């Protein structure tokens, strides 16, 4: 077992873990980040894992999922539930258009935007998925709202 230091580069917090190799240490780092207390909207956290015996370092980002249940519940939506999987997401009648045969799908360079609605309760969702050419501190986002 080797000692690795995991660092959340955004906050500067460190945690030490013992692992068999760098891959296992990076997996432990991702789990450590995911278990943290983050904003309901989700985020992208920059990390570094350092092998204390060799000095080898691995840099990567961890995407923390939004708290979908919280985001859906705060819309006041009723009928289907607070989890995304409780809804029947559909983009076939999105009034904003989309990419040709893909209604509700929009391209913003390497970033993709997906607009859908629940065909049962009418809840609307906009997912923004950043691409490879995203800016630092840019992360995937999900919004939910109701048309009143």
Protein backbone atom coordinates (compact mmCIF):
# COMPACT_ATOMS: atom_id res chain seq x y z
CA UNK A 1 0.00 0.00 0.00
CA UNK A 2 1.16 3.48 -0.87
CA UNK A 3 0.14 6.77 0.70
CA UNK A 4 -1.56 9.28 -1.62
CA UNK A 5 -2.64 12.83 -0.90
CA UNK A 6 -5.96 13.83 -2.48
CA UNK A 7 -6.50 17.57 -2.89
CA UNK A 8 -9.67 19.47 -3.75
CA UNK A 9 -8.02 22.28 -5.71
CA UNK A 10 -11.08 24.54 -5.41
CA UNK A 11 -11.08 24.63 -1.59
CA UNK A 12 -7.51 23.50 -0.89
CA UNK A 13 -8.71 20.66 1.37
CA UNK A 14 -6.47 17.60 1.58
CA UNK A 15 -7.15 14.02 2.55
CA UNK A 16 -4.65 11.15 2.77
CA UNK A 17 -5.57 7.68 1.55
CA UNK A 18 -3.68 4.41 1.22
CA UNK A 19 -4.11 2.60 -2.08
CA UNK A 20 -2.46 -0.11 -4.18
CA UNK A 21 -1.94 2.17 -7.20
CA UNK A 22 -2.76 5.58 -8.70
CA UNK A 23 -5.97 4.32 -10.31
CA UNK A 24 -7.33 3.13 -6.97
CA UNK A 25 -6.27 6.41 -5.33
CA UNK A 26 -8.08 8.43 -8.04
CA UNK A 27 -11.23 6.34 -7.50
CA UNK A 28 -10.98 7.05 -3.76
CA UNK A 29 -10.58 10.75 -4.52
CA UNK A 30 -13.69 10.77 -6.70
CA UNK A 31 -15.69 9.03 -3.94
CA UNK A 32 -14.33 11.54 -1.40
CA UNK A 33 -15.43 14.46 -3.57
CA UNK A 34 -18.86 12.93 -4.28
CA UNK A 35 -19.45 12.48 -0.53
CA UNK A 36 -18.80 16.19 0.13
CA UNK A 37 -21.37 18.84 0.97
CA UNK A 38 -22.02 20.66 -2.30
CA UNK A 39 -24.54 23.14 -3.67
CA UNK A 40 -27.87 21.65 -4.83
CA UNK A 41 -27.12 22.76 -8.40
CA UNK A 42 -24.11 20.43 -8.67
CA UNK A 43 -20.61 21.50 -9.66
CA UNK A 44 -17.29 20.48 -11.17
CA UNK A 45 -14.42 20.06 -8.70
CA UNK A 46 -10.78 20.10 -9.80
CA UNK A 47 -8.64 17.52 -8.00
CA UNK A 48 -5.07 16.31 -7.71
CA UNK A 49 -3.86 12.97 -6.40
CA UNK A 50 -0.19 12.75 -5.47
CA UNK A 51 1.83 9.60 -4.80
CA UNK A 52 3.85 10.64 -1.75
CA UNK A 53 6.63 8.10 -2.42
CA UNK A 54 7.32 8.95 -6.09
CA UNK A 55 5.88 12.45 -6.48
CA UNK A 56 3.72 11.26 -9.40
CA UNK A 57 0.56 13.36 -9.75
CA UNK A 58 -2.77 12.90 -11.51
CA UNK A 59 -5.00 15.94 -12.22
CA UNK A 60 -8.67 15.59 -13.11
CA UNK A 61 -12.16 17.01 -12.59
CA UNK A 62 -15.08 15.39 -10.79
CA UNK A 63 -18.62 16.31 -11.80
CA UNK A 64 -20.97 16.36 -8.80
CA UNK A 65 -24.57 15.66 -9.86
CA UNK A 66 -27.21 18.20 -8.92
CA UNK A 67 -29.72 17.28 -6.22
CA UNK A 68 -32.49 16.60 -8.74
CA UNK A 69 -35.09 15.79 -6.08
CA UNK A 70 -34.50 19.16 -4.39
CA UNK A 71 -34.55 21.07 -7.69
CA UNK A 72 -37.79 19.41 -8.82
CA UNK A 73 -39.47 19.81 -5.42
CA UNK A 74 -38.74 23.55 -5.30
CA UNK A 75 -40.70 24.05 -8.56
CA UNK A 76 -43.85 23.01 -6.73
CA UNK A 77 -44.50 20.39 -9.42
CA UNK A 78 -47.14 17.87 -8.49
CA UNK A 79 -48.23 14.63 -10.01
CA UNK A 80 -45.20 12.62 -10.99
CA UNK A 81 -42.66 12.88 -8.16
CA UNK A 82 -39.38 14.50 -7.21
CA UNK A 83 -36.99 12.21 -9.07
CA UNK A 84 -36.17 12.63 -12.79
CA UNK A 85 -36.99 8.96 -13.37
CA UNK A 86 -40.54 9.61 -12.07
CA UNK A 87 -41.24 11.68 -15.20
CA UNK A 88 -41.76 10.88 -18.88
CA UNK A 89 -39.34 13.28 -20.57
CA UNK A 90 -40.25 14.21 -24.14
CA UNK A 91 -38.79 16.70 -26.62
CA UNK A 92 -41.01 16.08 -29.63
CA UNK A 93 -43.07 19.24 -29.19
CA UNK A 94 -40.47 21.66 -27.86
CA UNK A 95 -41.56 25.04 -29.20
CA UNK A 96 -38.03 26.47 -29.22
CA UNK A 97 -36.98 24.14 -32.07
CA UNK A 98 -33.75 22.20 -32.04
CA UNK A 99 -31.29 20.53 -34.37
CA UNK A 100 -33.27 19.31 -37.38
CA UNK A 101 -34.54 15.83 -36.57
CA UNK A 102 -33.62 16.32 -32.89
CA UNK A 103 -36.24 18.61 -31.34
CA UNK A 104 -35.15 20.14 -28.07
CA UNK A 105 -31.42 19.61 -28.80
CA UNK A 106 -29.27 22.69 -29.33
CA UNK A 107 -25.55 23.01 -30.03
CA UNK A 108 -23.46 25.83 -28.57
CA UNK A 109 -20.05 24.88 -29.94
CA UNK A 110 -18.93 21.82 -28.01
CA UNK A 111 -21.67 22.40 -25.40
CA UNK A 112 -25.04 20.72 -25.93
CA UNK A 113 -28.38 21.86 -24.53
CA UNK A 114 -31.30 19.45 -24.17
CA UNK A 115 -34.79 20.86 -23.54
CA UNK A 116 -37.54 18.43 -22.56
CA UNK A 117 -40.83 18.38 -20.71
CA UNK A 118 -42.76 15.74 -18.81
CA UNK A 119 -45.62 14.58 -21.00
CA UNK A 120 -47.67 13.78 -17.87
CA UNK A 121 -47.28 16.77 -15.54
CA UNK A 122 -45.75 19.43 -17.83
CA UNK A 123 -42.57 19.99 -15.76
CA UNK A 124 -39.85 21.41 -18.01
CA UNK A 125 -36.14 20.56 -17.93
CA UNK A 126 -33.06 22.12 -19.53
CA UNK A 127 -29.81 20.16 -19.36
CA UNK A 128 -26.59 21.90 -20.40
CA UNK A 129 -23.72 19.47 -21.03
CA UNK A 130 -20.31 21.08 -21.42
CA UNK A 131 -18.00 19.80 -24.10
CA UNK A 132 -14.26 19.28 -24.26
CA UNK A 133 -13.69 22.96 -25.04
CA UNK A 134 -15.42 24.25 -21.93
CA UNK A 135 -13.98 27.01 -19.77
CA UNK A 136 -12.41 26.30 -16.38
CA UNK A 137 -15.05 26.25 -13.63
CA UNK A 138 -17.71 25.49 -16.26
CA UNK A 139 -19.87 22.51 -15.39
CA UNK A 140 -22.95 20.67 -16.56
CA UNK A 141 -26.20 22.19 -15.32
CA UNK A 142 -29.82 21.10 -15.02
CA UNK A 143 -32.77 23.42 -14.54
CA UNK A 144 -36.40 22.52 -13.80
CA UNK A 145 -39.39 24.85 -14.00
CA UNK A 146 -43.12 24.95 -14.57
CA UNK A 147 -44.95 27.12 -17.08
CA UNK A 148 -47.65 28.82 -15.07
